[in-house]
Every structure is written in C-alpha cells, then in structure tokens.
C-alpha cells in the first residue's frame, strides 16, 4: 500500500479529531479538517472526497499501517469515534525488528559521534534511547567501526565554533602554530571541515583580509568578539567542499584537469578507491590505468600522489608534473 505525505497528514488529522470526543465527526467534518491541515502544512487547497475519508479509515483500521485504530461508526450521530480514548497513532510501540534496526542505527551514530559529543549527537542518541525505551542490558556489540580521529584535543572546539558559525559571530582564537609562539587572531568563521582525521576551521582573517585555515588541535582558546561579522563575497563554500582535496587553496589558484597514471595493481586500487569525487578513468590497460581529476592543485594533492611513490606518474598539467618531479628528485637525493 503506497503512503504519501498527503495521506499521512490525513491520518494524523483524523487521529487528532477522533481524540476530541465532544464533537461529532461525520465524514464531512473529517474532510474539512483534513483540507485545512493540508492548506496549513503545504499551502495547497485539496478537496477531500467521501471516498478518500472512507479509504483512510479503512487503512487505519486494518493494521497495514502498523496499528489497528479502534474506529467505530455511530449510526445515530452518523459520526466516527475511538472506542479506546487513550489510543493514538503517535503512541504505537515499535515492532521487535524495528527496535533492533533502530538500535543498530543508533550504535552507528554513536561511533560517528566519537568521544567528544560531536555536534551534540551523543545527547540526541541518549534522548532517543530514553524516549523509545530501546536500551538493552549488558554491553552492546559493535559490528561497524569508524576510523576515529586521534586529535581529540581539537574536537572539543567543534560544538563551540559550530554555534559561532551558525550565528554568524566573529571570534578571537588563541592559536599556536607548530613552530611559533601563541597568537590571538580575529576571524569570521565560515566552515568546519574534516580531513585526514583532523578538523579545520576555514575563516576570514580580519588582519590579513583573506581566507585562512586553522587546525582545531592548535587552538588554545576561543572567545566571542565584538567586531562585526564579515562575509567575504568571493568566498565560495562549494570550492572548499568539491574542488580541493584537503583544506588549502593556493593564492590565485584555478581548477585544473590533473591527469596521472597508476601502474601495476595500484591502478585497480585507485579505480575502486577514488582520490576525489571528480575522478574519471581515461584508459585502463594491463600495465597501467590513466585517470583524471578536476581539482585545484594544492599541497594535499601533492602529498597524496607522492605517497604512492614510483607507482604513480603525473602527466598533466605540465607545471604540476614538474613540481612533483622536483620534489621526487630532492627526496631521492636524501637517500643518495
């Protein structure tokens, strides 16, 4: 039985009406209530027929929706009513298999949330477990494991910075680069992004008047600033999400078509585990696989390609190929 949004709205409206036992709910009055509910929820006017109301009542009664609504017809009043005043379609207990599926889903969310209550997920999970009463005694067996970040030091800032981004508030961060003393930086926060098990803040630096990224594990403190929030018109969030690998965008950079070859069995690995969502297979032979990426070349892309060593060869762009060649030569010189 197909169930769409409109039928669900009607079921909930009929349920609400039949809870009001002081009224006589004829099919006409139920239809009027359903029409009003759809107008308020969807902004659309739909004329509900007697046949539709009869069909809805039948569905609510027969158990196919997961419940058997105790709806009866009063011939004298020519109206419908609940024989059990405490019944509600909002209070239907979940089936055992549904409970198990939901509990498994919550276990996955727990693993994703990690130890630092990422974005409040742990509180949401706890609330769902208490509300639905689906907790089980004993230790739960986890059969899916995520690659948790080892930089828990930075995760504690996620909730705090997330709220500042949501509310568009300028902040001052006390930040310590790896090779410098701590400094206070005033920024307008734009985006939080995870890469390689580290979280980064992408923000507008008020002093340098440009976009910078900051590792959350290097942040010592975060405070609200009274300076107005600055929204940089040229900042394109989609570029940070779709056009780069990692978090850095070199100055005056442009998206390019990066073509490379993977040799031996590495070609099969890279074909199935793509480096970026834009990756396409150009050619596949017994010796090598040729692939292309539509990305902005940056340090993270260099590092990812160089990590494959002699099993990868970049063909285009020429400047990017030459840059990687120089890095390979310098690396080889250290071993000579």
C-alpha atoms as a PDB file:
ATOM      1  CA  UNK A   1       0.000   0.000   0.000  1.00  0.00           C
ATOM      2  CA  UNK A   2       1.529   3.294  -1.112  1.00  0.00           C
ATOM      3  CA  UNK A   3       1.592   6.038   1.521  1.00  0.00           C
ATOM      4  CA  UNK A   4       2.404   9.617   0.575  1.00  0.00           C
ATOM      5  CA  UNK A   5       2.727  12.843   2.531  1.00  0.00           C
ATOM      6  CA  UNK A   6      -0.905  13.831   1.980  1.00  0.00           C
ATOM      7  CA  UNK A   7      -2.272  10.532   3.275  1.00  0.00           C
ATOM      8  CA  UNK A   8      -0.002  10.760   6.332  1.00  0.00           C
ATOM      9  CA  UNK A   9      -1.318  14.267   7.013  1.00  0.00           C
ATOM     10  CA  UNK A  10      -4.867  12.978   6.734  1.00  0.00           C
ATOM     11  CA  UNK A  11      -4.207  10.045   9.096  1.00  0.00           C
ATOM     12  CA  UNK A  12      -2.738  12.353  11.729  1.00  0.00           C
ATOM     13  CA  UNK A  13      -5.605  14.812  11.330  1.00  0.00           C
ATOM     14  CA  UNK A  14      -8.259  12.102  11.655  1.00  0.00           C
ATOM     15  CA  UNK A  15      -6.454  10.750  14.722  1.00  0.00           C
ATOM     16  CA  UNK A  16      -6.423  14.216  16.282  1.00  0.00           C
ATOM     17  CA  UNK A  17     -10.103  14.781  15.527  1.00  0.00           C
ATOM     18  CA  UNK A  18     -11.263  11.471  16.997  1.00  0.00           C
ATOM     19  CA  UNK A  19      -9.480  12.290  20.242  1.00  0.00           C
ATOM     20  CA  UNK A  20     -11.956  15.132  20.696  1.00  0.00           C
ATOM     21  CA  UNK A  21     -14.937  13.109  21.882  1.00  0.00           C
ATOM     22  CA  UNK A  22     -17.043  16.208  22.492  1.00  0.00           C
ATOM     23  CA  UNK A  23     -17.515  16.651  18.749  1.00  0.00           C
ATOM     24  CA  UNK A  24     -19.489  14.542  16.290  1.00  0.00           C
ATOM     25  CA  UNK A  25     -17.055  13.664  13.488  1.00  0.00           C
ATOM     26  CA  UNK A  26     -19.011  12.998  10.330  1.00  0.00           C
ATOM     27  CA  UNK A  27     -17.068  12.229   7.175  1.00  0.00           C
ATOM     28  CA  UNK A  28     -17.772  15.793   6.007  1.00  0.00           C
ATOM     29  CA  UNK A  29     -16.209  17.314   9.143  1.00  0.00           C
ATOM     30  CA  UNK A  30     -13.214  14.994   8.896  1.00  0.00           C
ATOM     31  CA  UNK A  31     -12.773  16.029   5.266  1.00  0.00           C
ATOM     32  CA  UNK A  32     -12.919  19.717   6.225  1.00  0.00           C
ATOM     33  CA  UNK A  33     -10.304  19.195   8.952  1.00  0.00           C
ATOM     34  CA  UNK A  34      -8.010  17.335   6.524  1.00  0.00           C
ATOM     35  CA  UNK A  35      -8.382  20.068   3.906  1.00  0.00           C
ATOM     36  CA  UNK A  36      -7.441  22.714   6.473  1.00  0.00           C
ATOM     37  CA  UNK A  37      -4.429  20.701   7.683  1.00  0.00           C
ATOM     38  CA  UNK A  38      -3.082  20.324   4.141  1.00  0.00           C
ATOM     39  CA  UNK A  39      -3.546  24.048   3.476  1.00  0.00           C
ATOM     40  CA  UNK A  40      -1.610  24.944   6.644  1.00  0.00           C
ATOM     41  CA  UNK A  41       1.156  22.395   6.071  1.00  0.00           C
ATOM     42  CA  UNK A  42       1.607  22.538   2.298  1.00  0.00           C
ATOM     43  CA  UNK A  43      -0.126  25.768   1.256  1.00  0.00           C
ATOM     44  CA  UNK A  44      -2.344  23.821  -1.152  1.00  0.00           C
ATOM     45  CA  UNK A  45      -6.107  23.522  -1.388  1.00  0.00           C
ATOM     46  CA  UNK A  46      -7.368  19.986  -1.924  1.00  0.00           C
ATOM     47  CA  UNK A  47     -10.989  18.921  -1.867  1.00  0.00           C
ATOM     48  CA  UNK A  48     -11.217  15.700   0.135  1.00  0.00           C
ATOM     49  CA  UNK A  49     -13.945  13.333  -1.048  1.00  0.00           C
ATOM     50  CA  UNK A  50     -16.071  10.886   0.981  1.00  0.00           C
ATOM     51  CA  UNK A  51     -14.329   8.014  -0.792  1.00  0.00           C
ATOM     52  CA  UNK A  52     -10.906   9.294   0.368  1.00  0.00           C
ATOM     53  CA  UNK A  53     -12.030   9.550   4.017  1.00  0.00           C
ATOM     54  CA  UNK A  54     -13.568   6.076   3.891  1.00  0.00           C
ATOM     55  CA  UNK A  55     -10.376   4.665   2.400  1.00  0.00           C
ATOM     56  CA  UNK A  56      -8.268   6.393   5.078  1.00  0.00           C
ATOM     57  CA  UNK A  57     -10.416   4.996   7.898  1.00  0.00           C
ATOM     58  CA  UNK A  58     -10.174   1.522   6.370  1.00  0.00           C
ATOM     59  CA  UNK A  59      -6.375   1.773   6.223  1.00  0.00           C
ATOM     60  CA  UNK A  60      -6.168   2.998   9.805  1.00  0.00           C
ATOM     61  CA  UNK A  61      -8.311   0.061  10.941  1.00  0.00           C
ATOM     62  CA  UNK A  62      -6.808  -2.868   9.048  1.00  0.00           C
ATOM     63  CA  UNK A  63      -3.289  -2.922  10.544  1.00  0.00           C
ATOM     64  CA  UNK A  64      -1.396  -2.366   7.291  1.00  0.00           C
ATOM     65  CA  UNK A  65      -0.041   0.920   8.679  1.00  0.00           C
ATOM     66  CA  UNK A  66       1.394  -0.842  11.715  1.00  0.00           C
ATOM     67  CA  UNK A  67      -1.585  -0.214  14.002  1.00  0.00           C
ATOM     68  CA  UNK A  68      -5.274  -1.158  14.349  1.00  0.00           C
ATOM     69  CA  UNK A  69      -7.102   2.067  15.058  1.00  0.00           C
ATOM     70  CA  UNK A  70     -10.274   1.339  17.158  1.00  0.00           C
ATOM     71  CA  UNK A  71     -12.563   3.431  14.936  1.00  0.00           C
ATOM     72  CA  UNK A  72     -16.306   2.760  15.093  1.00  0.00           C
ATOM     73  CA  UNK A  73     -19.315   4.369  13.415  1.00  0.00           C
ATOM     74  CA  UNK A  74     -22.252   5.784  15.389  1.00  0.00           C
ATOM     75  CA  UNK A  75     -25.307   5.310  13.151  1.00  0.00           C
ATOM     76  CA  UNK A  76     -27.464   7.609  15.248  1.00  0.00           C
ATOM     77  CA  UNK A  77     -24.981  10.504  15.145  1.00  0.00           C
ATOM     78  CA  UNK A  78     -23.673   9.463  11.738  1.00  0.00           C
ATOM     79  CA  UNK A  79     -20.178  10.080  13.058  1.00  0.00           C
ATOM     80  CA  UNK A  80     -16.915   8.227  13.813  1.00  0.00           C
ATOM     81  CA  UNK A  81     -15.209   7.842  17.183  1.00  0.00           C
ATOM     82  CA  UNK A  82     -12.466   5.959  19.031  1.00  0.00           C
ATOM     83  CA  UNK A  83     -13.709   3.148  21.276  1.00  0.00           C
ATOM     84  CA  UNK A  84     -10.427   3.466  23.204  1.00  0.00           C
ATOM     85  CA  UNK A  85      -9.919   7.088  24.230  1.00  0.00           C
ATOM     86  CA  UNK A  86      -6.225   6.509  25.051  1.00  0.00           C
ATOM     87  CA  UNK A  87      -5.346   5.242  21.581  1.00  0.00           C
ATOM     88  CA  UNK A  88      -3.190   7.442  19.328  1.00  0.00           C
ATOM     89  CA  UNK A  89      -1.206   6.641  16.209  1.00  0.00           C
ATOM     90  CA  UNK A  90       1.630   8.667  17.795  1.00  0.00           C
ATOM     91  CA  UNK A  91       1.874   6.166  20.665  1.00  0.00           C
ATOM     92  CA  UNK A  92       2.248   2.968  18.678  1.00  0.00           C
ATOM     93  CA  UNK A  93       5.085   0.780  20.025  1.00  0.00           C
ATOM     94  CA  UNK A  94       7.757  -0.284  17.576  1.00  0.00           C
ATOM     95  CA  UNK A  95       7.924  -3.917  16.479  1.00  0.00           C
ATOM     96  CA  UNK A  96      10.843  -6.002  17.726  1.00  0.00           C
ATOM     97  CA  UNK A  97      12.608  -5.985  14.362  1.00  0.00           C
ATOM     98  CA  UNK A  98      12.087  -2.226  14.091  1.00  0.00           C
ATOM     99  CA  UNK A  99      13.550  -1.768  17.557  1.00  0.00           C
ATOM    100  CA  UNK A 100      16.612  -3.817  16.609  1.00  0.00           C
ATOM    101  CA  UNK A 101      17.134  -1.871  13.376  1.00  0.00           C
ATOM    102  CA  UNK A 102      16.820   1.452  15.184  1.00  0.00           C
ATOM    103  CA  UNK A 103      19.207   0.371  17.909  1.00  0.00           C
ATOM    104  CA  UNK A 104      21.792  -0.687  15.307  1.00  0.00           C
ATOM    105  CA  UNK A 105      21.392   2.693  13.604  1.00  0.00           C
ATOM    106  CA  UNK A 106      21.952   4.456  16.930  1.00  0.00           C
ATOM    107  CA  UNK A 107      25.105   2.396  17.507  1.00  0.00           C
ATOM    108  CA  UNK A 108      26.450   3.647  14.170  1.00  0.00           C
ATOM    109  CA  UNK A 109      25.617   7.246  15.123  1.00  0.00           C
ATOM    110  CA  UNK A 110      27.379   6.742  18.465  1.00  0.00           C
ATOM    111  CA  UNK A 111      30.527   5.581  16.725  1.00  0.00           C
ATOM    112  CA  UNK A 112      30.393   8.547  14.365  1.00  0.00           C
ATOM    113  CA  UNK A 113      29.912  10.935  17.269  1.00  0.00           C
ATOM    114  CA  UNK A 114      33.052   9.667  18.984  1.00  0.00           C
ATOM    115  CA  UNK A 115      34.103  10.563  22.500  1.00  0.00           C
ATOM    116  CA  UNK A 116      33.721  14.330  22.289  1.00  0.00           C
ATOM    117  CA  UNK A 117      29.965  14.623  21.690  1.00  0.00           C
ATOM    118  CA  UNK A 118      30.385  15.799  18.102  1.00  0.00           C
ATOM    119  CA  UNK A 119      27.644  18.328  17.314  1.00  0.00           C
ATOM    120  CA  UNK A 120      25.637  17.018  20.277  1.00  0.00           C
ATOM    121  CA  UNK A 121      24.976  13.626  18.674  1.00  0.00           C
ATOM    122  CA  UNK A 122      25.527  11.759  21.933  1.00  0.00           C
ATOM    123  CA  UNK A 123      22.774  13.798  23.622  1.00  0.00           C
ATOM    124  CA  UNK A 124      20.413  13.114  20.728  1.00  0.00           C
ATOM    125  CA  UNK A 125      21.154   9.387  20.891  1.00  0.00           C
ATOM    126  CA  UNK A 126      20.594   9.297  24.648  1.00  0.00           C
ATOM    127  CA  UNK A 127      17.301  11.156  24.248  1.00  0.00           C
ATOM    128  CA  UNK A 128      16.102   8.761  21.550  1.00  0.00           C
ATOM    129  CA  UNK A 129      17.039   5.737  23.640  1.00  0.00           C
ATOM    130  CA  UNK A 130      15.170   7.094  26.653  1.00  0.00           C
ATOM    131  CA  UNK A 131      12.118   8.184  24.669  1.00  0.00           C
ATOM    132  CA  UNK A 132      11.782   4.957  22.697  1.00  0.00           C
ATOM    133  CA  UNK A 133      12.967   2.745  25.564  1.00  0.00           C
ATOM    134  CA  UNK A 134      15.256   0.685  23.349  1.00  0.00           C
ATOM    135  CA  UNK A 135      18.271   0.317  25.603  1.00  0.00           C
ATOM    136  CA  UNK A 136      19.331  -3.239  26.402  1.00  0.00           C
ATOM    137  CA  UNK A 137      21.168  -4.527  29.478  1.00  0.00           C
ATOM    138  CA  UNK A 138      24.808  -5.502  29.094  1.00  0.00           C
ATOM    139  CA  UNK A 139      27.446  -4.348  26.659  1.00  0.00           C
ATOM    140  CA  UNK A 140      26.307  -3.705  23.083  1.00  0.00           C
ATOM    141  CA  UNK A 141      28.235  -5.499  20.362  1.00  0.00           C
ATOM    142  CA  UNK A 142      29.554  -3.037  17.789  1.00  0.00           C
ATOM    143  CA  UNK A 143      29.919  -4.568  14.344  1.00  0.00           C
ATOM    144  CA  UNK A 144      30.816  -1.387  12.444  1.00  0.00           C
ATOM    145  CA  UNK A 145      33.845   0.683  13.383  1.00  0.00           C
ATOM    146  CA  UNK A 146      34.742   4.126  12.084  1.00  0.00           C
ATOM    147  CA  UNK A 147      38.263   5.484  11.873  1.00  0.00           C
ATOM    148  CA  UNK A 148      38.128   7.809  14.868  1.00  0.00           C
ATOM    149  CA  UNK A 149      40.269  10.907  14.956  1.00  0.00           C
ATOM    150  CA  UNK A 150      43.353  10.756  17.137  1.00  0.00           C
ATOM    151  CA  UNK A 151      43.223  14.549  17.514  1.00  0.00           C
ATOM    152  CA  UNK A 152      40.629  14.624  20.289  1.00  0.00           C
ATOM    153  CA  UNK A 153      42.333  17.729  21.615  1.00  0.00           C
ATOM    154  CA  UNK A 154      40.804  19.719  18.759  1.00  0.00           C
ATOM    155  CA  UNK A 155      37.387  18.056  18.792  1.00  0.00           C
ATOM    156  CA  UNK A 156      36.388  19.875  21.967  1.00  0.00           C
ATOM    157  CA  UNK A 157      36.087  23.104  19.942  1.00  0.00           C
ATOM    158  CA  UNK A 158      33.638  21.656  17.403  1.00  0.00           C
ATOM    159  CA  UNK A 159      30.398  22.461  19.213  1.00  0.00           C
ATOM    160  CA  UNK A 160      31.592  25.910  20.252  1.00  0.00           C
ATOM    161  CA  UNK A 161      32.802  27.003  16.810  1.00  0.00           C
ATOM    162  CA  UNK A 162      29.794  25.393  15.135  1.00  0.00           C
ATOM    163  CA  UNK A 163      27.476  27.681  17.121  1.00  0.00           C
ATOM    164  CA  UNK A 164      29.526  30.776  16.195  1.00  0.00           C
ATOM    165  CA  UNK A 165      29.324  29.831  12.504  1.00  0.00           C
ATOM    166  CA  UNK A 166      25.585  29.215  12.738  1.00  0.00           C
ATOM    167  CA  UNK A 167      25.001  32.563  14.470  1.00  0.00           C
ATOM    168  CA  UNK A 168      27.488  34.410  12.194  1.00  0.00           C
ATOM    169  CA  UNK A 169      29.542  35.838  15.039  1.00  0.00           C
ATOM    170  CA  UNK A 170      33.158  36.999  14.885  1.00  0.00           C
ATOM    171  CA  UNK A 171      35.531  35.222  17.250  1.00  0.00           C
ATOM    172  CA  UNK A 172      39.050  35.639  18.602  1.00  0.00           C
ATOM    173  CA  UNK A 173      41.071  32.434  18.707  1.00  0.00           C
ATOM    174  CA  UNK A 174      44.268  31.885  20.627  1.00  0.00           C
ATOM    175  CA  UNK A 175      46.238  29.846  18.140  1.00  0.00           C
ATOM    176  CA  UNK A 176      49.648  28.210  18.329  1.00  0.00           C
ATOM    177  CA  UNK A 177      51.280  27.197  15.026  1.00  0.00           C
ATOM    178  CA  UNK A 178      53.668  24.265  15.229  1.00  0.00           C
ATOM    179  CA  UNK A 179      56.806  26.415  15.079  1.00  0.00           C
ATOM    180  CA  UNK A 180      55.703  29.725  16.617  1.00  0.00           C
ATOM    181  CA  UNK A 181      54.518  31.264  19.857  1.00  0.00           C
ATOM    182  CA  UNK A 182      50.740  31.506  20.566  1.00  0.00           C
ATOM    183  CA  UNK A 183      48.954  34.404  18.882  1.00  0.00           C
ATOM    184  CA  UNK A 184      45.494  35.970  19.056  1.00  0.00           C
ATOM    185  CA  UNK A 185      43.664  36.002  15.715  1.00  0.00           C
ATOM    186  CA  UNK A 186      40.351  37.674  14.992  1.00  0.00           C
ATOM    187  CA  UNK A 187      38.312  35.756  12.401  1.00  0.00           C
ATOM    188  CA  UNK A 188      34.845  35.416  10.934  1.00  0.00           C
ATOM    189  CA  UNK A 189      34.280  31.626  10.925  1.00  0.00           C
ATOM    190  CA  UNK A 190      32.817  30.150   7.735  1.00  0.00           C
ATOM    191  CA  UNK A 191      33.215  26.391   7.648  1.00  0.00           C
ATOM    192  CA  UNK A 192      34.359  23.343   9.618  1.00  0.00           C
ATOM    193  CA  UNK A 193      35.972  20.614   7.559  1.00  0.00           C
ATOM    194  CA  UNK A 194      37.500  17.263   8.475  1.00  0.00           C
ATOM    195  CA  UNK A 195      40.460  15.957   6.515  1.00  0.00           C
ATOM    196  CA  UNK A 196      42.780  13.070   7.270  1.00  0.00           C
ATOM    197  CA  UNK A 197      41.375  12.649  10.803  1.00  0.00           C
ATOM    198  CA  UNK A 198      41.906  16.320  11.666  1.00  0.00           C
ATOM    199  CA  UNK A 199      39.347  19.103  11.935  1.00  0.00           C
ATOM    200  CA  UNK A 200      39.997  22.521  10.395  1.00  0.00           C
ATOM    201  CA  UNK A 201      38.301  25.893  10.663  1.00  0.00           C
ATOM    202  CA  UNK A 202      38.024  27.826   7.403  1.00  0.00           C
ATOM    203  CA  UNK A 203      37.652  31.508   8.274  1.00  0.00           C
ATOM    204  CA  UNK A 204      38.180  35.106   7.160  1.00  0.00           C
ATOM    205  CA  UNK A 205      41.220  36.640   8.878  1.00  0.00           C
ATOM    206  CA  UNK A 206      40.364  40.252   9.794  1.00  0.00           C
ATOM    207  CA  UNK A 207      44.008  41.340   9.902  1.00  0.00           C
ATOM    208  CA  UNK A 208      45.201  39.832   6.608  1.00  0.00           C
ATOM    209  CA  UNK A 209      41.778  40.269   4.967  1.00  0.00           C
ATOM    210  CA  UNK A 210      41.754  36.845   3.411  1.00  0.00           C
ATOM    211  CA  UNK A 211      40.763  33.215   3.876  1.00  0.00           C
ATOM    212  CA  UNK A 212      42.893  31.006   6.146  1.00  0.00           C
ATOM    213  CA  UNK A 213      42.530  27.565   7.673  1.00  0.00           C
ATOM    214  CA  UNK A 214      43.289  26.654  11.275  1.00  0.00           C
ATOM    215  CA  UNK A 215      43.762  23.177  12.759  1.00  0.00           C
ATOM    216  CA  UNK A 216      41.445  22.813  15.726  1.00  0.00           C
ATOM    217  CA  UNK A 217      44.122  20.879  17.623  1.00  0.00           C
ATOM    218  CA  UNK A 218      46.295  24.033  17.563  1.00  0.00           C
ATOM    219  CA  UNK A 219      43.571  26.226  19.097  1.00  0.00           C
ATOM    220  CA  UNK A 220      44.132  27.060  22.766  1.00  0.00           C
ATOM    221  CA  UNK A 221      41.059  29.214  23.404  1.00  0.00           C
ATOM    222  CA  UNK A 222      38.001  30.649  21.616  1.00  0.00           C
ATOM    223  CA  UNK A 223      36.166  33.819  22.648  1.00  0.00           C
ATOM    224  CA  UNK A 224      33.410  35.940  21.155  1.00  0.00           C
ATOM    225  CA  UNK A 225      34.470  39.228  19.562  1.00  0.00           C
ATOM    226  CA  UNK A 226      32.541  42.478  19.414  1.00  0.00           C
ATOM    227  CA  UNK A 227      33.771  43.199  15.891  1.00  0.00           C
ATOM    228  CA  UNK A 228      31.071  42.817  13.211  1.00  0.00           C
ATOM    229  CA  UNK A 229      30.967  39.549  11.314  1.00  0.00           C
ATOM    230  CA  UNK A 230      32.420  39.848   7.817  1.00  0.00           C
ATOM    231  CA  UNK A 231      31.005  37.807   4.931  1.00  0.00           C
ATOM    232  CA  UNK A 232      33.504  37.740   2.099  1.00  0.00           C
ATOM    233  CA  UNK A 233      31.526  37.856  -1.146  1.00  0.00           C
ATOM    234  CA  UNK A 234      34.207  35.990  -3.080  1.00  0.00           C
ATOM    235  CA  UNK A 235      34.253  33.085  -0.621  1.00  0.00           C
ATOM    236  CA  UNK A 236      32.775  30.051  -2.338  1.00  0.00           C
ATOM    237  CA  UNK A 237      31.986  27.295   0.113  1.00  0.00           C
ATOM    238  CA  UNK A 238      31.473  24.809  -2.708  1.00  0.00           C
ATOM    239  CA  UNK A 239      35.118  25.183  -3.719  1.00  0.00           C
ATOM    240  CA  UNK A 240      36.229  24.026  -0.287  1.00  0.00           C
ATOM    241  CA  UNK A 241      33.819  21.113  -0.395  1.00  0.00           C
ATOM    242  CA  UNK A 242      34.085  19.991  -4.014  1.00  0.00           C
ATOM    243  CA  UNK A 243      37.120  21.409  -5.801  1.00  0.00           C
ATOM    244  CA  UNK A 244      40.004  20.604  -3.477  1.00  0.00           C
ATOM    245  CA  UNK A 245      41.500  17.686  -1.631  1.00  0.00           C
ATOM    246  CA  UNK A 246      42.176  18.807   1.930  1.00  0.00           C
ATOM    247  CA  UNK A 247      41.779  22.365   3.175  1.00  0.00           C
ATOM    248  CA  UNK A 248      44.330  24.627   1.465  1.00  0.00           C
ATOM    249  CA  UNK A 249      43.772  26.755  -1.631  1.00  0.00           C
ATOM    250  CA  UNK A 250      46.897  28.429  -3.057  1.00  0.00           C
ATOM    251  CA  UNK A 251      46.574  32.162  -3.944  1.00  0.00           C
ATOM    252  CA  UNK A 252      45.165  32.886  -7.415  1.00  0.00           C
ATOM    253  CA  UNK A 253      44.553  29.168  -7.946  1.00  0.00           C
ATOM    254  CA  UNK A 254      42.222  27.738 -10.564  1.00  0.00           C
ATOM    255  CA  UNK A 255      40.641  24.370 -11.069  1.00  0.00           C
ATOM    256  CA  UNK A 256      42.617  22.214 -13.493  1.00  0.00           C
ATOM    257  CA  UNK A 257      42.394  18.803 -15.106  1.00  0.00           C
ATOM    258  CA  UNK A 258      45.049  16.670 -13.420  1.00  0.00           C
ATOM    259  CA  UNK A 259      45.893  13.521 -15.391  1.00  0.00           C
ATOM    260  CA  UNK A 260      48.003  10.733 -13.889  1.00  0.00           C
ATOM    261  CA  UNK A 261      48.863   7.090 -14.386  1.00  0.00           C
ATOM    262  CA  UNK A 262      48.847   4.333 -11.786  1.00  0.00           C
ATOM    263  CA  UNK A 263      50.993   1.303 -12.574  1.00  0.00           C
ATOM    264  CA  UNK A 264      50.565  -2.386 -11.723  1.00  0.00           C
ATOM    265  CA  UNK A 265      47.975  -3.430  -9.185  1.00  0.00           C
ATOM    266  CA  UNK A 266      47.806   0.156  -7.930  1.00  0.00           C
ATOM    267  CA  UNK A 267      45.664   1.011 -10.947  1.00  0.00           C
ATOM    268  CA  UNK A 268      42.944  -1.349  -9.682  1.00  0.00           C
ATOM    269  CA  UNK A 269      43.088   0.043  -6.157  1.00  0.00           C
ATOM    270  CA  UNK A 270      42.774   3.651  -7.317  1.00  0.00           C
ATOM    271  CA  UNK A 271      39.963   2.771  -9.716  1.00  0.00           C
ATOM    272  CA  UNK A 272      37.858   1.442  -6.824  1.00  0.00           C
ATOM    273  CA  UNK A 273      39.015   3.919  -4.143  1.00  0.00           C
ATOM    274  CA  UNK A 274      38.923   7.249  -5.913  1.00  0.00           C
ATOM    275  CA  UNK A 275      41.113  10.130  -4.791  1.00  0.00           C
ATOM    276  CA  UNK A 276      38.298  12.639  -5.389  1.00  0.00           C
ATOM    277  CA  UNK A 277      34.653  12.592  -6.453  1.00  0.00           C
ATOM    278  CA  UNK A 278      35.616  14.083  -9.833  1.00  0.00           C
ATOM    279  CA  UNK A 279      37.931  11.172 -10.694  1.00  0.00           C
ATOM    280  CA  UNK A 280      37.321   9.543 -14.070  1.00  0.00           C
ATOM    281  CA  UNK A 281      39.030   6.619 -15.760  1.00  0.00           C
ATOM    282  CA  UNK A 282      40.622   7.731 -19.045  1.00  0.00           C
ATOM    283  CA  UNK A 283      42.256   4.451 -20.032  1.00  0.00           C
ATOM    284  CA  UNK A 284      42.825   1.031 -18.476  1.00  0.00           C
ATOM    285  CA  UNK A 285      45.469  -1.400 -19.738  1.00  0.00           C
ATOM    286  CA  UNK A 286      47.216  -4.446 -18.299  1.00  0.00           C
ATOM    287  CA  UNK A 287      50.186  -2.221 -17.448  1.00  0.00           C
ATOM    288  CA  UNK A 288      48.615   0.985 -16.137  1.00  0.00           C
ATOM    289  CA  UNK A 289      45.430   2.907 -15.520  1.00  0.00           C
ATOM    290  CA  UNK A 290      45.114   6.522 -16.605  1.00  0.00           C
ATOM    291  CA  UNK A 291      42.870   8.784 -14.534  1.00  0.00           C
ATOM    292  CA  UNK A 292      41.802  12.426 -14.424  1.00  0.00           C
ATOM    293  CA  UNK A 293      40.780  14.759 -11.601  1.00  0.00           C
ATOM    294  CA  UNK A 294      39.037  18.137 -11.847  1.00  0.00           C
ATOM    295  CA  UNK A 295      40.526  19.872  -8.812  1.00  0.00           C
ATOM    296  CA  UNK A 296      42.605  22.815  -7.642  1.00  0.00           C
ATOM    297  CA  UNK A 297      46.217  21.537  -7.326  1.00  0.00           C
ATOM    298  CA  UNK A 298      47.403  22.079  -3.741  1.00  0.00           C
ATOM    299  CA  UNK A 299      49.775  20.702  -1.125  1.00  0.00           C
ATOM    300  CA  UNK A 300      47.375  17.964  -0.006  1.00  0.00           C
ATOM    301  CA  UNK A 301      47.007  16.670  -3.573  1.00  0.00           C
ATOM    302  CA  UNK A 302      50.799  16.668  -3.961  1.00  0.00           C
ATOM    303  CA  UNK A 303      51.203  14.691  -0.740  1.00  0.00           C
ATOM    304  CA  UNK A 304      48.522  12.181  -1.676  1.00  0.00           C
ATOM    305  CA  UNK A 305      50.064  11.494  -5.091  1.00  0.00           C
ATOM    306  CA  UNK A 306      53.643  11.362  -3.798  1.00  0.00           C
ATOM    307  CA  UNK A 307      52.572   8.861  -1.143  1.00  0.00           C
ATOM    308  CA  UNK A 308      52.231   6.241  -3.904  1.00  0.00           C
ATOM    309  CA  UNK A 309      55.906   6.626  -4.797  1.00  0.00           C
ATOM    310  CA  UNK A 310      57.034   5.024  -8.057  1.00  0.00           C
ATOM    311  CA  UNK A 311      53.564   3.573  -8.699  1.00  0.00           C
ATOM    312  CA  UNK A 312      52.160   6.980  -9.762  1.00  0.00           C
ATOM    313  CA  UNK A 313      53.156   9.321 -12.594  1.00  0.00           C
ATOM    314  CA  UNK A 314      51.509  12.707 -13.122  1.00  0.00           C
ATOM    315  CA  UNK A 315      51.146  13.660 -16.808  1.00  0.00           C
ATOM    316  CA  UNK A 316      49.267  16.984 -16.714  1.00  0.00           C
ATOM    317  CA  UNK A 317      49.328  19.911 -16.058  1.00  0.00           C
ATOM    318  CA  UNK A 318      52.970  20.295 -17.068  1.00  0.00           C
ATOM    319  CA  UNK A 319      53.791  22.769 -14.271  1.00  0.00           C
ATOM    320  CA  UNK A 320      52.282  20.479 -11.653  1.00  0.00           C
ATOM    321  CA  UNK A 321      54.179  17.487 -13.095  1.00  0.00           C
ATOM    322  CA  UNK A 322      57.473  19.416 -12.985  1.00  0.00           C
ATOM    323  CA  UNK A 323      56.843  20.489  -9.372  1.00  0.00           C
ATOM    324  CA  UNK A 324      56.290  16.899  -8.281  1.00  0.00           C
ATOM    325  CA  UNK A 325      59.353  15.821 -10.270  1.00  0.00           C
ATOM    326  CA  UNK A 326      61.494  18.304  -8.351  1.00  0.00           C
ATOM    327  CA  UNK A 327      60.176  17.028  -5.032  1.00  0.00           C
ATOM    328  CA  UNK A 328      60.882  13.429  -6.055  1.00  0.00           C
ATOM    329  CA  UNK A 329      64.436  14.394  -7.080  1.00  0.00           C
ATOM    330  CA  UNK A 330      65.059  16.129  -3.770  1.00  0.00           C
ATOM    331  CA  UNK A 331      63.696  13.117  -1.892  1.00  0.00           C
ATOM    332  CA  UNK A 332      65.916  10.752  -3.894  1.00  0.00           C
ATOM    333  CA  UNK A 333      68.948  12.952  -3.191  1.00  0.00           C
ATOM    334  CA  UNK A 334      68.453  12.482   0.549  1.00  0.00           C
ATOM    335  CA  UNK A 335      68.853   8.729   0.095  1.00  0.00           C
ATOM    336  CA  UNK A 336      71.948   9.110  -2.089  1.00  0.00           C
END
